Amino acid sequence: MGINPEIGAVTLTGRLICTDADQATRVQAALAEHIALTRAEAGCLSFDVYPTGDPLVWQVEERFRDTDAFKAHQARAAASDWGRQTAGITRDYVITGMS
């Protein structure tokens, strides 16, 4: 029997909620690079951010191998252009699997 690579995984699900068109424009401008950089991170199992029916709201779904990989992602994202462009935008997230 093989080892399940997702045992111990950290999952984040929720929404990125803009308050106005300016914030939404900043998200759109920085999103493609943020997705590409995140998917290339060691320990990223899946990462998706996509629009909902509301032009100011994006659905966010992340899955990382473990707590260390998730924390490394959070640190990298905070220090990136994405982190600067989206600072102050509401995040309504639920995180599971943190050790």
N, C-alpha and C. Protein backbone atom coordinates (compact mmCIF):
# COMPACT_ATOMS: atom_id res chain seq x y z
N MET A 1 0.85 -1.19 0.00
CA MET A 1 0.00 0.00 0.00
C MET A 1 0.89 1.24 0.00
N GLY A 2 0.65 2.19 -0.92
CA GLY A 2 1.46 3.39 -1.04
C GLY A 2 1.09 4.44 0.01
N ILE A 3 1.94 5.42 0.14
CA ILE A 3 1.71 6.52 1.07
C ILE A 3 0.89 7.59 0.37
N ASN A 4 -0.16 8.04 1.00
CA ASN A 4 -0.98 9.12 0.44
C ASN A 4 -0.24 10.44 0.60
N PRO A 5 0.14 11.11 -0.50
CA PRO A 5 0.93 12.35 -0.40
C PRO A 5 0.15 13.51 0.19
N GLU A 6 -1.17 13.35 0.37
CA GLU A 6 -1.95 14.46 0.89
C GLU A 6 -2.31 14.32 2.37
N ILE A 7 -1.88 13.24 3.02
CA ILE A 7 -2.08 13.13 4.46
C ILE A 7 -1.25 14.22 5.12
N GLY A 8 -1.87 14.99 5.98
CA GLY A 8 -1.18 16.09 6.63
C GLY A 8 -1.21 17.38 5.83
N ALA A 9 -1.91 17.37 4.70
CA ALA A 9 -1.97 18.56 3.86
C ALA A 9 -2.73 19.69 4.55
N VAL A 10 -2.37 20.89 4.20
CA VAL A 10 -3.05 22.10 4.68
C VAL A 10 -3.91 22.63 3.54
N THR A 11 -5.17 22.91 3.84
CA THR A 11 -6.11 23.39 2.85
C THR A 11 -6.65 24.76 3.28
N LEU A 12 -6.70 25.67 2.32
CA LEU A 12 -7.32 26.98 2.53
C LEU A 12 -8.43 27.12 1.49
N THR A 13 -9.61 27.47 1.95
CA THR A 13 -10.72 27.75 1.03
C THR A 13 -11.40 29.03 1.50
N GLY A 14 -11.91 29.78 0.56
CA GLY A 14 -12.61 31.00 0.92
C GLY A 14 -12.69 31.97 -0.23
N ARG A 15 -12.81 33.24 0.15
CA ARG A 15 -13.02 34.28 -0.85
C ARG A 15 -12.10 35.47 -0.62
N LEU A 16 -11.70 36.09 -1.71
CA LEU A 16 -11.00 37.37 -1.73
C LEU A 16 -12.06 38.38 -2.13
N ILE A 17 -12.33 39.36 -1.27
CA ILE A 17 -13.48 40.25 -1.46
C ILE A 17 -13.02 41.69 -1.60
N CYS A 18 -13.16 42.24 -2.79
CA CYS A 18 -12.80 43.63 -3.06
C CYS A 18 -13.97 44.54 -2.67
N THR A 19 -13.63 45.77 -2.32
CA THR A 19 -14.68 46.73 -1.97
C THR A 19 -15.03 47.65 -3.12
N ASP A 20 -14.16 47.69 -4.15
CA ASP A 20 -14.42 48.60 -5.27
C ASP A 20 -13.67 48.13 -6.52
N ALA A 21 -13.93 48.81 -7.62
CA ALA A 21 -13.33 48.44 -8.91
C ALA A 21 -11.81 48.59 -8.91
N ASP A 22 -11.28 49.56 -8.17
CA ASP A 22 -9.82 49.74 -8.11
C ASP A 22 -9.16 48.49 -7.51
N GLN A 23 -9.70 47.98 -6.42
CA GLN A 23 -9.14 46.77 -5.83
C GLN A 23 -9.26 45.59 -6.81
N ALA A 24 -10.40 45.47 -7.46
CA ALA A 24 -10.60 44.37 -8.41
C ALA A 24 -9.60 44.45 -9.56
N THR A 25 -9.31 45.65 -10.03
CA THR A 25 -8.34 45.84 -11.11
C THR A 25 -6.95 45.42 -10.65
N ARG A 26 -6.58 45.73 -9.40
CA ARG A 26 -5.27 45.32 -8.87
C ARG A 26 -5.18 43.80 -8.77
N VAL A 27 -6.26 43.15 -8.34
CA VAL A 27 -6.27 41.68 -8.28
C VAL A 27 -6.07 41.11 -9.67
N GLN A 28 -6.85 41.58 -10.63
CA GLN A 28 -6.74 41.07 -12.00
C GLN A 28 -5.35 41.25 -12.57
N ALA A 29 -4.72 42.39 -12.29
CA ALA A 29 -3.39 42.68 -12.84
C ALA A 29 -2.31 41.77 -12.26
N ALA A 30 -2.44 41.39 -11.01
CA ALA A 30 -1.39 40.62 -10.34
C ALA A 30 -1.67 39.13 -10.27
N LEU A 31 -2.87 38.71 -10.61
CA LEU A 31 -3.29 37.34 -10.35
C LEU A 31 -2.54 36.28 -11.15
N ALA A 32 -2.36 36.47 -12.43
CA ALA A 32 -1.71 35.43 -13.26
C ALA A 32 -0.31 35.11 -12.75
N GLU A 33 0.47 36.13 -12.43
CA GLU A 33 1.82 35.89 -11.92
C GLU A 33 1.76 35.19 -10.56
N HIS A 34 0.83 35.62 -9.70
CA HIS A 34 0.70 35.01 -8.38
C HIS A 34 0.37 33.52 -8.49
N ILE A 35 -0.55 33.18 -9.37
CA ILE A 35 -0.90 31.77 -9.56
C ILE A 35 0.30 30.98 -10.07
N ALA A 36 1.00 31.50 -11.07
CA ALA A 36 2.16 30.79 -11.63
C ALA A 36 3.25 30.58 -10.58
N LEU A 37 3.56 31.62 -9.82
CA LEU A 37 4.61 31.50 -8.80
C LEU A 37 4.20 30.53 -7.70
N THR A 38 2.94 30.57 -7.29
CA THR A 38 2.48 29.68 -6.23
C THR A 38 2.50 28.23 -6.69
N ARG A 39 2.01 27.96 -7.88
CA ARG A 39 1.99 26.58 -8.38
C ARG A 39 3.39 26.00 -8.53
N ALA A 40 4.40 26.86 -8.68
CA ALA A 40 5.78 26.41 -8.82
C ALA A 40 6.47 26.18 -7.47
N GLU A 41 5.83 26.56 -6.38
CA GLU A 41 6.43 26.40 -5.05
C GLU A 41 6.52 24.93 -4.67
N ALA A 42 7.62 24.59 -3.99
CA ALA A 42 7.75 23.25 -3.43
C ALA A 42 6.63 23.07 -2.41
N GLY A 43 5.93 21.96 -2.50
CA GLY A 43 4.88 21.68 -1.54
C GLY A 43 3.49 22.13 -1.94
N CYS A 44 3.36 22.83 -3.05
CA CYS A 44 2.03 23.23 -3.53
C CYS A 44 1.40 22.04 -4.24
N LEU A 45 0.27 21.57 -3.71
CA LEU A 45 -0.45 20.44 -4.33
C LEU A 45 -1.48 20.95 -5.32
N SER A 46 -2.12 22.06 -5.00
CA SER A 46 -3.06 22.70 -5.94
C SER A 46 -3.28 24.13 -5.49
N PHE A 47 -3.59 24.98 -6.46
CA PHE A 47 -3.81 26.40 -6.16
C PHE A 47 -4.69 26.98 -7.26
N ASP A 48 -5.88 27.42 -6.87
CA ASP A 48 -6.82 27.99 -7.83
C ASP A 48 -7.46 29.24 -7.25
N VAL A 49 -7.52 30.28 -8.06
CA VAL A 49 -8.23 31.51 -7.73
C VAL A 49 -9.05 31.84 -8.96
N TYR A 50 -10.36 31.96 -8.80
CA TYR A 50 -11.20 32.21 -9.97
C TYR A 50 -12.36 33.11 -9.60
N PRO A 51 -12.86 33.84 -10.60
CA PRO A 51 -13.96 34.77 -10.34
C PRO A 51 -15.25 34.04 -9.98
N THR A 52 -16.05 34.69 -9.17
CA THR A 52 -17.39 34.21 -8.86
C THR A 52 -18.34 35.01 -9.75
N GLY A 53 -19.61 34.95 -9.52
CA GLY A 53 -20.57 35.75 -10.29
C GLY A 53 -20.51 37.22 -9.95
N ASP A 54 -19.86 37.56 -8.86
CA ASP A 54 -19.71 38.95 -8.42
C ASP A 54 -18.35 39.45 -8.91
N PRO A 55 -18.28 40.55 -9.67
CA PRO A 55 -17.00 41.02 -10.21
C PRO A 55 -16.00 41.49 -9.16
N LEU A 56 -16.44 41.58 -7.90
CA LEU A 56 -15.54 42.01 -6.83
C LEU A 56 -15.08 40.85 -5.95
N VAL A 57 -15.49 39.63 -6.27
CA VAL A 57 -15.20 38.49 -5.41
C VAL A 57 -14.56 37.35 -6.20
N TRP A 58 -13.48 36.78 -5.64
CA TRP A 58 -12.81 35.62 -6.21
C TRP A 58 -12.87 34.48 -5.21
N GLN A 59 -13.06 33.27 -5.73
CA GLN A 59 -12.98 32.06 -4.92
C GLN A 59 -11.52 31.63 -4.86
N VAL A 60 -11.07 31.22 -3.69
CA VAL A 60 -9.68 30.81 -3.49
C VAL A 60 -9.67 29.39 -2.93
N GLU A 61 -8.89 28.51 -3.55
CA GLU A 61 -8.75 27.13 -3.08
C GLU A 61 -7.28 26.75 -3.18
N GLU A 62 -6.68 26.47 -2.02
CA GLU A 62 -5.26 26.14 -1.94
C GLU A 62 -5.07 24.83 -1.20
N ARG A 63 -4.06 24.09 -1.60
CA ARG A 63 -3.71 22.86 -0.87
C ARG A 63 -2.19 22.71 -0.92
N PHE A 64 -1.61 22.61 0.27
CA PHE A 64 -0.15 22.47 0.40
C PHE A 64 0.19 21.18 1.13
N ARG A 65 1.34 20.64 0.84
CA ARG A 65 1.79 19.35 1.37
C ARG A 65 1.71 19.30 2.90
N ASP A 66 2.13 20.38 3.57
CA ASP A 66 2.17 20.38 5.03
C ASP A 66 2.22 21.81 5.53
N THR A 67 2.26 21.95 6.84
CA THR A 67 2.27 23.27 7.47
C THR A 67 3.47 24.09 7.03
N ASP A 68 4.65 23.48 6.95
CA ASP A 68 5.84 24.23 6.54
C ASP A 68 5.70 24.79 5.14
N ALA A 69 5.18 23.99 4.21
CA ALA A 69 4.99 24.46 2.84
C ALA A 69 3.97 25.60 2.79
N PHE A 70 2.90 25.47 3.57
CA PHE A 70 1.88 26.52 3.61
C PHE A 70 2.46 27.82 4.18
N LYS A 71 3.21 27.71 5.26
CA LYS A 71 3.81 28.91 5.87
C LYS A 71 4.82 29.56 4.92
N ALA A 72 5.59 28.75 4.20
CA ALA A 72 6.54 29.29 3.23
C ALA A 72 5.79 30.04 2.13
N HIS A 73 4.67 29.49 1.68
CA HIS A 73 3.85 30.17 0.68
C HIS A 73 3.34 31.51 1.21
N GLN A 74 2.82 31.50 2.41
CA GLN A 74 2.29 32.73 3.00
C GLN A 74 3.37 33.81 3.08
N ALA A 75 4.57 33.43 3.48
CA ALA A 75 5.68 34.40 3.58
C ALA A 75 6.07 34.92 2.21
N ARG A 76 6.18 34.01 1.21
CA ARG A 76 6.55 34.44 -0.13
C ARG A 76 5.49 35.37 -0.70
N ALA A 77 4.24 35.00 -0.56
CA ALA A 77 3.15 35.81 -1.11
C ALA A 77 3.10 37.19 -0.46
N ALA A 78 3.29 37.26 0.84
CA ALA A 78 3.24 38.55 1.53
C ALA A 78 4.33 39.50 1.07
N ALA A 79 5.49 38.95 0.69
CA ALA A 79 6.62 39.78 0.27
C ALA A 79 6.63 40.06 -1.23
N SER A 80 5.63 39.56 -1.96
CA SER A 80 5.61 39.67 -3.42
C SER A 80 4.80 40.87 -3.89
N ASP A 81 4.80 41.06 -5.21
CA ASP A 81 3.96 42.09 -5.81
C ASP A 81 2.49 41.83 -5.46
N TRP A 82 2.09 40.56 -5.49
CA TRP A 82 0.72 40.19 -5.11
C TRP A 82 0.40 40.72 -3.70
N GLY A 83 1.30 40.48 -2.77
CA GLY A 83 1.09 40.93 -1.40
C GLY A 83 0.94 42.44 -1.32
N ARG A 84 1.76 43.15 -2.07
CA ARG A 84 1.67 44.63 -2.07
C ARG A 84 0.39 45.11 -2.74
N GLN A 85 0.03 44.52 -3.88
CA GLN A 85 -1.14 44.96 -4.63
C GLN A 85 -2.46 44.64 -3.93
N THR A 86 -2.47 43.58 -3.14
CA THR A 86 -3.72 43.16 -2.52
C THR A 86 -3.78 43.45 -1.02
N ALA A 87 -2.79 44.16 -0.51
CA ALA A 87 -2.82 44.52 0.91
C ALA A 87 -4.10 45.29 1.21
N GLY A 88 -4.76 44.91 2.27
CA GLY A 88 -5.98 45.60 2.67
C GLY A 88 -7.26 45.05 2.06
N ILE A 89 -7.15 44.13 1.10
CA ILE A 89 -8.34 43.52 0.53
C ILE A 89 -8.80 42.40 1.47
N THR A 90 -10.09 42.34 1.71
CA THR A 90 -10.65 41.38 2.66
C THR A 90 -10.45 39.95 2.17
N ARG A 91 -10.01 39.11 3.08
CA ARG A 91 -9.87 37.69 2.85
C ARG A 91 -10.75 36.97 3.85
N ASP A 92 -11.65 36.15 3.34
CA ASP A 92 -12.58 35.37 4.16
C ASP A 92 -12.23 33.91 3.93
N TYR A 93 -11.28 33.38 4.73
CA TYR A 93 -10.71 32.08 4.49
C TYR A 93 -10.95 31.14 5.68
N VAL A 94 -10.99 29.85 5.38
CA VAL A 94 -10.97 28.80 6.38
C VAL A 94 -9.75 27.94 6.07
N ILE A 95 -8.91 27.73 7.08
CA ILE A 95 -7.69 26.92 6.91
C ILE A 95 -7.83 25.67 7.76
N THR A 96 -7.59 24.51 7.15
CA THR A 96 -7.64 23.25 7.89
C THR A 96 -6.32 22.50 7.70
N GLY A 97 -5.99 21.67 8.68
CA GLY A 97 -4.82 20.82 8.58
C GLY A 97 -3.55 21.40 9.15
N MET A 98 -3.60 22.58 9.73
CA MET A 98 -2.39 23.18 10.30
C MET A 98 -1.96 22.39 11.54
N SER A 99 -0.66 22.13 11.64
CA SER A 99 -0.15 21.43 12.82
C SER A 99 0.60 22.40 13.72
